Protein backbone atom coordinates (compact mmCIF):
# COMPACT_ATOMS: atom_id res chain seq x y z
CA MET A 1 -21.89 -29.70 2.46
CA ASN A 2 -21.77 -31.81 -0.67
CA TYR A 3 -18.68 -31.53 -2.85
CA THR A 4 -16.11 -33.58 -4.78
CA VAL A 5 -12.46 -34.08 -3.81
CA LEU A 6 -9.44 -34.94 -5.93
CA ILE A 7 -6.65 -36.58 -3.88
CA VAL A 8 -3.22 -36.45 -5.55
CA GLU A 9 -1.05 -38.71 -3.34
CA ASP A 10 1.58 -41.30 -4.30
CA GLU A 11 1.48 -43.20 -0.99
CA PRO A 12 -1.26 -45.84 -1.63
CA VAL A 13 -2.11 -46.46 2.04
CA LEU A 14 -2.50 -42.78 2.90
CA ALA A 15 -4.46 -42.10 -0.31
CA ARG A 16 -6.79 -45.03 0.44
CA ASN A 17 -7.34 -43.91 4.04
CA MET A 18 -8.23 -40.35 3.00
CA HIS A 19 -10.50 -41.69 0.23
CA LEU A 20 -12.42 -44.04 2.56
CA TYR A 21 -12.75 -41.49 5.36
CA LEU A 22 -14.05 -38.72 3.10
CA GLU A 23 -16.53 -41.04 1.36
CA ARG A 24 -17.89 -42.05 4.77
CA GLN A 25 -18.46 -38.33 5.35
CA GLY A 26 -20.70 -38.26 2.26
CA LEU A 27 -18.18 -36.81 -0.17
CA SER A 28 -17.31 -37.98 -3.67
CA CYS A 29 -13.58 -38.69 -4.14
CA GLN A 30 -11.12 -39.47 -6.93
CA THR A 31 -7.50 -40.50 -6.37
CA ALA A 32 -4.43 -39.91 -8.52
CA GLY A 33 -0.95 -41.32 -7.87
CA SER A 34 1.05 -38.70 -9.79
CA GLY A 35 0.91 -35.07 -10.86
CA GLU A 36 0.23 -36.00 -14.49
CA GLU A 37 -2.67 -38.24 -13.50
CA GLY A 38 -3.98 -35.52 -11.19
CA LEU A 39 -3.95 -32.94 -14.00
CA ALA A 40 -5.83 -35.35 -16.29
CA LEU A 41 -8.48 -36.03 -13.63
CA LEU A 42 -8.78 -32.29 -13.02
CA GLU A 43 -9.85 -31.83 -16.63
CA ASP A 44 -12.13 -34.87 -16.62
CA GLN A 45 -13.80 -34.69 -13.18
CA ARG A 46 -13.66 -30.95 -12.36
CA PRO A 47 -13.52 -31.40 -8.57
CA ASP A 48 -14.53 -28.75 -6.04
CA VAL A 49 -11.28 -29.06 -4.04
CA VAL A 50 -7.88 -30.77 -4.38
CA VAL A 51 -5.61 -32.40 -1.78
CA LEU A 52 -2.12 -32.25 -3.29
CA ASP A 53 0.99 -33.99 -1.94
CA HIS A 54 4.32 -32.21 -2.33
CA ASN A 55 6.57 -35.24 -2.85
CA LEU A 56 5.26 -36.74 -6.08
CA PRO A 57 7.04 -38.81 -8.73
CA GLY A 58 7.88 -36.80 -11.81
CA GLN A 59 6.59 -33.27 -11.31
CA ASP A 60 6.71 -32.12 -7.70
CA GLY A 61 3.67 -30.73 -5.93
CA LEU A 62 4.57 -27.06 -6.41
CA SER A 63 4.83 -27.51 -10.20
CA VAL A 64 1.48 -29.31 -10.27
CA LEU A 65 -0.02 -26.57 -8.07
CA LYS A 66 1.03 -23.88 -10.52
CA ARG A 67 -0.40 -25.77 -13.49
CA MET A 68 -3.68 -26.43 -11.68
CA ARG A 69 -3.99 -22.76 -10.74
CA GLU A 70 -3.44 -21.79 -14.38
CA ARG A 71 -6.28 -24.04 -15.48
CA GLU A 72 -8.63 -23.38 -12.56
CA PRO A 73 -7.76 -20.01 -10.96
CA GLN A 74 -10.53 -20.26 -8.35
CA LEU A 75 -10.07 -23.93 -7.44
CA PRO A 76 -9.06 -24.33 -3.76
CA ILE A 77 -5.99 -26.57 -3.34
CA VAL A 78 -4.72 -27.91 0.00
CA MET A 79 -1.04 -28.88 0.01
CA ALA A 80 0.23 -31.81 2.13
CA THR A 81 3.90 -31.68 3.16
CA GLY A 82 6.20 -33.68 5.44
CA HIS A 83 7.88 -32.55 8.64
CA GLY A 84 10.67 -30.06 8.12
CA SER A 85 9.09 -28.71 4.90
CA GLU A 86 7.84 -25.41 6.30
CA GLN A 87 9.45 -23.49 3.43
CA VAL A 88 7.54 -25.67 0.97
CA ALA A 89 4.33 -24.74 2.76
CA VAL A 90 5.20 -21.04 2.52
CA ASP A 91 5.98 -21.38 -1.20
CA ALA A 92 2.68 -23.22 -1.71
CA MET A 93 0.70 -20.41 -0.05
CA LYS A 94 2.52 -17.83 -2.18
CA ASN A 95 1.53 -19.78 -5.30
CA GLY A 96 -2.15 -19.80 -4.41
CA ALA A 97 -2.71 -22.83 -2.16
CA PHE A 98 -5.68 -22.38 0.16
CA ASP A 99 -3.95 -24.07 3.12
CA TYR A 100 -1.38 -26.77 3.96
CA LEU A 101 -1.27 -29.85 6.21
CA ILE A 102 1.76 -31.48 7.84
CA LYS A 103 2.02 -35.26 7.53
CA PRO A 104 0.94 -37.51 9.09
CA VAL A 105 -2.41 -35.99 8.19
CA SER A 106 -5.23 -36.04 10.72
CA LEU A 107 -8.29 -37.16 8.76
CA HIS A 108 -10.62 -35.14 10.97
CA GLN A 109 -8.50 -32.04 10.44
CA LEU A 110 -8.39 -32.77 6.72
CA LYS A 111 -12.19 -32.74 6.52
CA GLN A 112 -12.36 -29.44 8.43
CA VAL A 113 -9.83 -27.78 6.12
CA LEU A 114 -11.64 -29.04 3.01
CA ASP A 115 -14.97 -27.74 4.33
CA ARG A 116 -13.46 -24.30 4.89
CA ALA A 117 -11.85 -24.30 1.45
CA VAL A 118 -15.07 -25.16 -0.40
CA GLN A 119 -17.14 -22.74 1.68
CA ALA A 120 -14.68 -19.90 1.01
CA GLN A 121 -14.60 -20.67 -2.70
CA ARG A 122 -18.40 -20.70 -2.98
CA GLN A 123 -18.72 -17.46 -1.08
CA THR A 124 -16.15 -15.84 -3.38
CA GLN A 125 -18.05 -17.01 -6.47
CA GLU A 126 -21.34 -15.79 -5.07
CA LEU A 127 -19.93 -12.37 -4.25
CA GLN A 128 -18.39 -12.00 -7.70
CA HIS A 129 -21.61 -13.05 -9.38
CA LEU A 130 -23.89 -10.99 -7.16
CA ARG A 131 -21.90 -7.83 -7.81
CA ARG A 132 -23.10 -8.03 -11.39
CA VAL A 133 -26.72 -8.97 -10.79
CA VAL A 134 -27.79 -7.86 -7.35
CA GLU A 135 -28.26 -4.32 -6.13
CA GLY A 136 -26.70 -3.23 -2.88
CA ALA A 137 -28.32 -3.31 0.54
CA PRO A 138 -32.05 -2.65 0.32
CA ALA A 139 -32.99 0.98 0.77
CA SER A 140 -35.77 1.94 3.11
CA GLY A 141 -39.22 1.89 1.55
CA GLN A 142 -38.71 -1.18 -0.64
CA GLY A 143 -41.42 -3.12 1.16
CA LEU A 144 -45.15 -2.68 0.82
CA ALA A 145 -44.79 1.00 1.71
CA ALA A 146 -43.13 1.55 -1.68
CA LEU A 147 -46.41 0.68 -3.46
CA VAL A 148 -48.07 4.09 -3.77
CA GLY A 149 -51.76 4.44 -4.44
CA GLU A 150 -55.06 5.29 -2.77
CA SER A 151 -57.46 3.71 -5.26
CA PRO A 152 -59.60 0.70 -4.25
CA ALA A 153 -57.76 -1.44 -6.82
CA MET A 154 -54.41 -0.58 -5.25
CA GLN A 155 -55.63 -1.13 -1.70
CA LYS A 156 -56.96 -4.53 -2.72
CA LEU A 157 -53.56 -5.41 -4.21
CA VAL A 158 -51.68 -4.36 -1.08
CA GLY A 159 -54.10 -6.41 1.04
CA ARG A 160 -53.41 -9.47 -1.10
CA LEU A 161 -49.65 -9.00 -0.78
CA ARG A 162 -49.98 -8.55 2.98
CA GLN A 163 -51.74 -11.92 3.17
CA ILE A 164 -48.87 -13.59 1.30
CA VAL A 165 -46.24 -11.97 3.54
CA ASP A 166 -48.10 -13.02 6.69
CA ALA A 167 -48.39 -16.60 5.41
CA ASP A 168 -44.63 -16.65 4.70
CA ALA A 169 -43.88 -15.49 8.23
CA ARG A 170 -45.96 -18.33 9.71
CA LEU A 171 -44.36 -21.04 7.53
CA THR A 172 -42.70 -23.63 9.80
CA GLU A 173 -41.38 -26.18 7.29
CA GLY A 174 -40.84 -26.59 3.58
CA ALA A 175 -40.31 -23.87 1.01
CA ALA A 176 -42.75 -21.04 0.42
CA PRO A 177 -44.82 -21.57 -2.76
CA ALA A 178 -43.98 -19.64 -5.91
CA VAL A 179 -45.88 -16.45 -6.71
CA LEU A 180 -46.96 -15.52 -10.24
CA ILE A 181 -47.27 -11.77 -10.79
CA HIS A 182 -49.36 -10.88 -13.84
CA GLY A 183 -49.89 -7.44 -15.29
CA GLU A 184 -49.50 -5.24 -18.34
CA THR A 185 -46.13 -3.76 -19.26
CA GLY A 186 -45.22 -0.88 -16.99
CA THR A 187 -47.56 -1.72 -14.12
CA GLY A 188 -44.70 -2.31 -11.67
CA LYS A 189 -44.33 -6.08 -11.45
CA ASP A 190 -40.70 -5.71 -10.35
CA MET A 191 -41.75 -3.40 -7.50
CA VAL A 192 -44.29 -5.96 -6.29
CA ALA A 193 -41.59 -8.65 -6.33
CA ARG A 194 -39.26 -6.43 -4.30
CA ALA A 195 -42.05 -5.60 -1.87
CA LEU A 196 -42.72 -9.31 -1.24
CA HIS A 197 -39.00 -9.95 -0.66
CA PHE A 198 -38.11 -6.97 1.53
CA GLU A 199 -41.32 -7.18 3.56
CA GLY A 200 -41.01 -10.92 4.13
CA PRO A 201 -38.85 -13.20 6.29
CA ARG A 202 -36.17 -13.49 3.56
CA ARG A 203 -35.39 -9.76 3.54
CA ALA A 204 -31.85 -10.36 4.87
CA GLY A 205 -31.08 -12.74 1.98
CA PRO A 206 -30.19 -11.81 -1.61
CA PHE A 207 -32.77 -10.58 -4.11
CA VAL A 208 -31.69 -11.86 -7.52
CA GLU A 209 -33.54 -10.68 -10.60
CA ILE A 210 -33.27 -11.90 -14.17
CA ASN A 211 -35.24 -10.75 -17.20
CA CYS A 212 -35.78 -13.92 -19.22
CA ALA A 213 -36.57 -11.91 -22.36
CA SER A 214 -33.29 -9.97 -22.28
CA LEU A 215 -30.98 -12.99 -22.68
CA PRO A 216 -30.37 -15.11 -25.77
CA ALA A 217 -32.03 -18.50 -25.42
CA HIS A 218 -28.69 -20.34 -25.32
CA LEU A 219 -27.54 -18.30 -22.30
CA VAL A 220 -30.66 -18.43 -20.13
CA GLU A 221 -29.94 -21.94 -18.83
CA SER A 222 -26.34 -21.10 -17.97
CA GLU A 223 -27.38 -17.87 -16.23
CA LEU A 224 -30.01 -19.65 -14.17
CA PHE A 225 -28.23 -22.87 -13.27
CA GLY A 226 -24.53 -22.10 -13.76
CA HIS A 227 -21.95 -24.20 -15.57
CA GLU A 228 -18.74 -26.13 -15.10
CA ARG A 229 -15.52 -25.29 -16.85
CA GLY A 230 -15.62 -26.62 -20.42
CA ALA A 231 -19.40 -27.19 -20.39
CA PHE A 232 -19.64 -25.20 -23.64
CA THR A 233 -17.54 -22.95 -25.82
CA ASP A 234 -16.05 -20.03 -23.85
CA ALA A 235 -16.87 -21.68 -20.48
CA ARG A 236 -13.32 -21.14 -19.23
CA GLU A 237 -14.12 -21.46 -15.54
CA ARG A 238 -16.78 -22.82 -13.22
CA ARG A 239 -19.56 -20.36 -12.36
CA ILE A 240 -22.56 -20.64 -10.12
CA GLY A 241 -25.95 -19.70 -11.55
CA LEU A 242 -28.46 -17.15 -10.37
CA VAL A 243 -30.47 -19.84 -8.60
CA GLU A 244 -27.51 -20.75 -6.39
CA ALA A 245 -26.67 -17.06 -5.93
CA ALA A 246 -30.18 -16.54 -4.55
CA HIS A 247 -29.72 -19.24 -1.88
CA GLY A 248 -31.44 -18.11 1.30
CA GLY A 249 -33.28 -15.33 -0.53
CA THR A 250 -35.53 -14.68 -3.51
CA LEU A 251 -35.18 -15.42 -7.23
CA PHE A 252 -37.32 -13.11 -9.41
CA LEU A 253 -37.91 -14.33 -12.97
CA ASP A 254 -39.32 -11.47 -15.02
CA GLU A 255 -40.96 -12.31 -18.36
CA VAL A 256 -41.05 -16.01 -17.43
CA GLY A 257 -43.28 -16.70 -20.44
CA GLU A 258 -40.22 -16.23 -22.69
CA LEU A 259 -38.46 -19.37 -21.39
CA GLU A 260 -38.10 -22.27 -23.80
CA LEU A 261 -39.64 -25.63 -22.96
CA ALA A 262 -36.30 -27.26 -22.07
CA THR A 263 -35.55 -24.54 -19.52
CA GLN A 264 -39.12 -24.72 -18.23
CA ALA A 265 -38.53 -28.38 -17.37
CA LYS A 266 -35.47 -27.51 -15.29
CA LEU A 267 -37.35 -24.71 -13.55
CA LEU A 268 -40.10 -27.19 -12.68
CA LYS A 269 -37.43 -29.50 -11.19
CA LEU A 270 -36.23 -26.61 -9.03
CA LEU A 271 -39.74 -25.88 -7.76
CA GLU A 272 -40.46 -29.54 -6.99
CA ASP A 273 -37.16 -30.77 -5.54
CA HIS A 274 -35.27 -27.55 -4.73
CA GLU A 275 -32.24 -28.87 -6.59
CA VAL A 276 -30.22 -27.62 -9.55
CA ARG A 277 -27.55 -29.17 -11.75
CA ARG A 278 -24.95 -26.94 -13.37
CA LEU A 279 -24.35 -27.40 -17.07
CA GLY A 280 -21.62 -29.96 -17.55
CA SER A 281 -22.02 -31.42 -14.04
CA VAL A 282 -23.44 -34.75 -12.87
CA ARG A 283 -24.13 -33.56 -9.32
CA LEU A 284 -27.27 -31.97 -7.92
CA GLN A 285 -27.02 -28.95 -5.61
CA LYS A 286 -29.61 -28.31 -2.91
CA VAL A 287 -30.86 -24.71 -2.88
CA ASP A 288 -33.23 -22.76 -0.66
CA VAL A 289 -34.89 -20.06 -2.75
CA ARG A 290 -38.28 -18.40 -2.98
CA VAL A 291 -39.30 -18.11 -6.63
CA LEU A 292 -41.30 -15.12 -7.86
CA ALA A 293 -42.25 -14.98 -11.54
CA ALA A 294 -43.81 -12.22 -13.61
CA THR A 295 -45.33 -12.03 -17.05
CA ASN A 296 -47.57 -9.88 -19.22
CA ARG A 297 -48.38 -12.80 -21.49
CA PRO A 298 -51.52 -14.99 -21.27
CA LEU A 299 -49.94 -18.17 -19.90
CA GLU A 300 -53.26 -20.05 -20.00
CA ALA A 301 -53.42 -19.53 -23.78
CA MET A 302 -49.76 -20.54 -24.09
CA VAL A 303 -50.51 -23.76 -22.21
CA GLN A 304 -53.30 -24.50 -24.68
CA ALA A 305 -50.94 -23.76 -27.58
CA GLY A 306 -48.27 -26.06 -26.14
CA THR A 307 -45.64 -23.33 -25.69
CA PHE A 308 -45.78 -23.32 -21.88
CA ARG A 309 -45.82 -26.39 -19.67
CA SER A 310 -49.11 -26.92 -17.85
CA ASP A 311 -47.39 -28.47 -14.79
CA LEU A 312 -45.08 -25.46 -14.50
CA PHE A 313 -48.01 -23.08 -14.90
CA PHE A 314 -49.86 -24.72 -12.01
CA ARG A 315 -46.70 -24.69 -9.88
CA LEU A 316 -46.05 -21.02 -10.54
CA GLY A 317 -49.69 -20.09 -10.18
CA ALA A 318 -50.13 -21.59 -6.72
CA LEU A 319 -50.29 -17.97 -5.57
CA ARG A 320 -51.29 -15.39 -8.16
CA VAL A 321 -51.20 -11.61 -8.01
CA ASN A 322 -52.89 -9.52 -10.70
CA LEU A 323 -51.71 -5.92 -11.09
CA PRO A 324 -54.36 -3.39 -12.16
CA PRO A 325 -53.45 -1.11 -15.10
CA LEU A 326 -53.15 2.58 -14.30
CA ARG A 327 -56.37 3.41 -16.16
CA GLU A 328 -58.27 1.35 -13.57
CA ARG A 329 -56.67 3.13 -10.62
CA ALA A 330 -58.87 6.22 -10.45
CA GLY A 331 -57.24 8.93 -8.39
CA ASP A 332 -53.75 7.39 -8.38
CA VAL A 333 -52.54 9.27 -11.48
CA LEU A 334 -52.25 12.60 -9.69
CA VAL A 335 -50.73 11.01 -6.57
CA LEU A 336 -48.08 9.27 -8.66
CA GLY A 337 -47.59 12.30 -10.92
CA ARG A 338 -46.76 14.53 -7.96
CA LEU A 339 -44.51 11.82 -6.49
CA PHE A 340 -42.54 11.49 -9.75
CA LEU A 341 -42.37 15.29 -10.02
CA ALA A 342 -40.76 15.53 -6.58
CA ARG A 343 -38.30 12.71 -7.32
CA SER A 344 -37.26 14.07 -10.70
CA SER A 345 -36.93 17.60 -9.28
CA ARG A 346 -34.43 16.32 -6.72
CA ARG A 347 -32.61 14.35 -9.39
CA TYR A 348 -32.17 17.34 -11.72
CA GLY A 349 -31.60 19.87 -8.93
CA LYS A 350 -34.74 21.92 -9.60
CA SER A 351 -37.15 23.25 -7.00
CA GLY A 352 -40.59 24.84 -6.93
CA LEU A 353 -41.93 22.89 -9.93
CA HIS A 354 -45.68 22.29 -9.94
CA PHE A 355 -48.42 21.33 -12.38
CA SER A 356 -51.02 23.78 -13.60
CA ASP A 357 -54.69 22.86 -13.30
CA GLU A 358 -54.79 22.22 -17.06
CA ALA A 359 -51.77 19.91 -16.80
CA LEU A 360 -53.39 17.93 -13.98
CA ALA A 361 -56.57 17.61 -16.05
CA ARG A 362 -54.53 16.42 -18.99
CA LEU A 363 -52.79 13.79 -16.86
CA GLN A 364 -56.13 12.49 -15.65
CA ALA A 365 -57.62 12.42 -19.13
CA HIS A 366 -54.82 10.35 -20.68
CA HIS A 367 -55.42 6.60 -21.13
CA TRP A 368 -51.84 5.61 -20.06
CA PRO A 369 -51.25 2.54 -22.26
CA GLY A 370 -47.71 2.37 -20.85
CA ASN A 371 -49.05 2.51 -17.28
CA VAL A 372 -46.92 3.76 -14.38
CA ARG A 373 -43.68 3.57 -16.36
CA GLU A 374 -45.10 5.88 -19.04
CA LEU A 375 -46.27 8.37 -16.39
CA ALA A 376 -42.82 8.40 -14.76
CA ASN A 377 -41.12 9.00 -18.12
CA VAL A 378 -43.50 11.81 -19.11
CA VAL A 379 -42.97 13.63 -15.81
CA GLU A 380 -39.18 13.18 -15.91
CA GLN A 381 -39.06 14.67 -19.40
CA CYS A 382 -41.07 17.69 -18.20
CA VAL A 383 -38.69 18.26 -15.30
CA MET A 384 -35.61 17.82 -17.46
CA LEU A 385 -36.78 20.44 -20.00
CA ALA A 386 -38.62 22.78 -17.63
CA ALA A 387 -37.56 26.43 -17.91
CA ASP A 388 -40.49 27.67 -15.82
CA PRO A 389 -41.65 26.47 -12.36
CA LEU A 390 -45.19 26.06 -13.70
CA ILE A 391 -45.63 22.94 -15.85
CA GLU A 392 -48.41 23.58 -18.34
CA ALA A 393 -50.50 21.03 -20.20
CA ASP A 394 -48.60 21.48 -23.45
CA ASP A 395 -45.34 20.72 -21.63
CA LEU A 396 -46.55 17.14 -21.26
CA ALA A 397 -45.34 14.89 -24.06
CA LEU A 398 -48.81 13.42 -24.59
CA PRO A 399 -51.07 13.30 -27.66
CA VAL A 400 -54.12 15.54 -27.64
CA PRO A 401 -57.12 13.31 -26.75
CA LEU A 402 -59.71 12.87 -29.47
CA ASP A 403 -62.48 13.81 -27.06
CA SER A 404 -60.67 16.95 -25.94
CA THR A 405 -62.93 19.63 -24.50
CA PHE A 406 -60.69 22.37 -25.82
CA ALA A 407 -62.41 24.45 -28.46
CA GLY A 408 -61.25 24.02 -32.02
CA LEU A 409 -61.40 26.37 -34.98
CA GLU A 410 -64.42 27.46 -36.97
CA PRO A 411 -64.06 27.23 -40.73
CA LEU A 412 -63.58 30.57 -42.42
CA SER A 413 -66.66 31.69 -44.33
CA ALA A 414 -66.42 32.50 -48.01
CA GLU A 415 -67.70 36.06 -47.41
CA ALA A 416 -64.95 36.74 -44.90
CA ALA A 417 -62.17 35.09 -46.84
CA PRO A 418 -58.84 36.83 -46.25
CA THR A 419 -56.97 38.32 -49.19
CA SER A 420 -53.39 37.37 -48.24
CA LEU A 421 -51.40 34.66 -46.45
CA PRO A 422 -50.45 36.88 -43.44
CA GLU A 423 -54.09 37.88 -43.06
CA THR A 424 -55.10 34.20 -43.15
CA GLU A 425 -52.61 33.42 -40.39
CA ARG A 426 -53.76 36.40 -38.31
CA ARG A 427 -57.42 35.37 -38.64
CA LEU A 428 -56.64 31.75 -37.65
CA LEU A 429 -54.75 32.90 -34.57
CA LEU A 430 -57.46 35.36 -33.52
CA ASN A 431 -60.18 32.75 -34.09
CA ALA A 432 -58.44 30.22 -31.84
CA LEU A 433 -57.70 32.78 -29.11
CA GLU A 434 -61.23 34.13 -28.96
CA ARG A 435 -62.86 30.70 -28.92
CA ASN A 436 -60.57 29.67 -26.03
CA ARG A 437 -61.12 32.97 -24.15
CA TRP A 438 -57.53 33.99 -24.75
CA ASN A 439 -56.14 30.99 -22.88
CA VAL A 440 -52.81 30.72 -24.70
CA THR A 441 -52.20 27.10 -23.70
CA GLN A 442 -55.59 25.89 -24.94
CA ALA A 443 -55.41 27.95 -28.13
CA ALA A 444 -51.91 26.62 -28.92
CA ARG A 445 -53.17 23.08 -28.50
CA ALA A 446 -56.12 23.73 -30.82
CA LEU A 447 -53.71 25.09 -33.43
CA GLY A 448 -51.23 22.24 -32.98
CA ILE A 449 -48.31 24.54 -32.11
CA SER A 450 -46.33 25.22 -28.94
CA ARG A 451 -47.23 27.92 -26.44
CA ASP A 452 -44.00 29.82 -27.18
CA THR A 453 -44.72 29.79 -30.92
CA LEU A 454 -48.20 31.17 -30.33
CA ARG A 455 -46.87 33.94 -28.08
CA TYR A 456 -44.38 34.90 -30.78
CA ARG A 457 -47.21 35.08 -33.35
CA ILE A 458 -49.37 37.17 -30.98
CA ASP A 459 -46.55 39.72 -30.65
CA LYS A 460 -45.84 39.59 -34.40
CA PHE A 461 -49.41 40.50 -35.33
CA GLY A 462 -50.02 42.76 -32.32
CA LEU A 463 -53.05 40.75 -31.23
CA ARG A 464 -54.82 41.82 -28.03
CA PRO A 465 -58.01 40.64 -26.28
């Protein structure tokens, strides 16, 4: 592991020995001879771990420990005490010390304790951060099996994803190349990203997702790469970024085309060197992540316009997956519609719901500009409001298509002009019903009213076939 150590020790020989030994182990060290100097270096250097002597000139070690914990609540601190100071060690642990060492300190033991302290602190940070951004353990069916569809376009997509997964499984060295997922809004780019993660060799690692368009520009860099305490206003404590949180797993960047050029440069550095630098830090952190990116924007045109880096585009586009819109997936609308109907029925505790033939025809006829997401929302709304097991065409919250095959109304002739408003209404209703062979659903659609309203009007006027 790579980390920085602050040694607060007033015995020059011991401080020098610890400093030299730890630097030979590849660590970066700073030394302070008093508590006041240690507190100043804490603010200036922001170390990953502190070795703190108890017997210090001025403030004793316990007082310095308390002040350090106030400033850096998650900073691991190892207390060094002399023989016969067991009570001091107990007090140190009660006040938040990670561990204690009895002098004379074994340098080998010191390194082991520091390793454990830093590892525990990083794991704690990761868990705290991942609770906010990562879903729980993956449910069954989040791999390729979760991508539903029987159309040729969908089968071609699944075949492409299977090739990528197989290539990942055979990778023997180096990081897997990034994958760029392109598709219209609502086509399911996030589901494809999850399928690649949970089907692949990194399925046991974290899946960390961030929507680049949902964060203010000044927060994106901090969210991705983390920050040190004091790196900017309100940065009151050190925090790892999403890239570090995804170590050993997958980082999914949705709407990657929304990133600003400065952040794009750092993302390119991650893809090339697999290193990140937290805001306010001078040290690079090695990370092992698979990057998946998604966009609905034309990145090639953005490269030409100078709003997206060409080198990043080529890095992200090493492997590219294009998602077909729902209108090009003939046959999948009904499969997905029935799937969403079953899911929403379970969610709202309703059973026996099914589409009428007219409703199925209406689903197939719609253009679906919002793709799969629009279909899911339309079906959920039907289930939520359904008072009848049979879902009719006019229960679907969809506009009537311009090329509808439903019969409309014939204009009333001058010779047959009605003499009153009620008679006009009755004639309009009868006209629509007869032209649609008394199909109430089709007649209501032709009139632009609901089925229930039409039934009320039929009873009001006593209309019969």
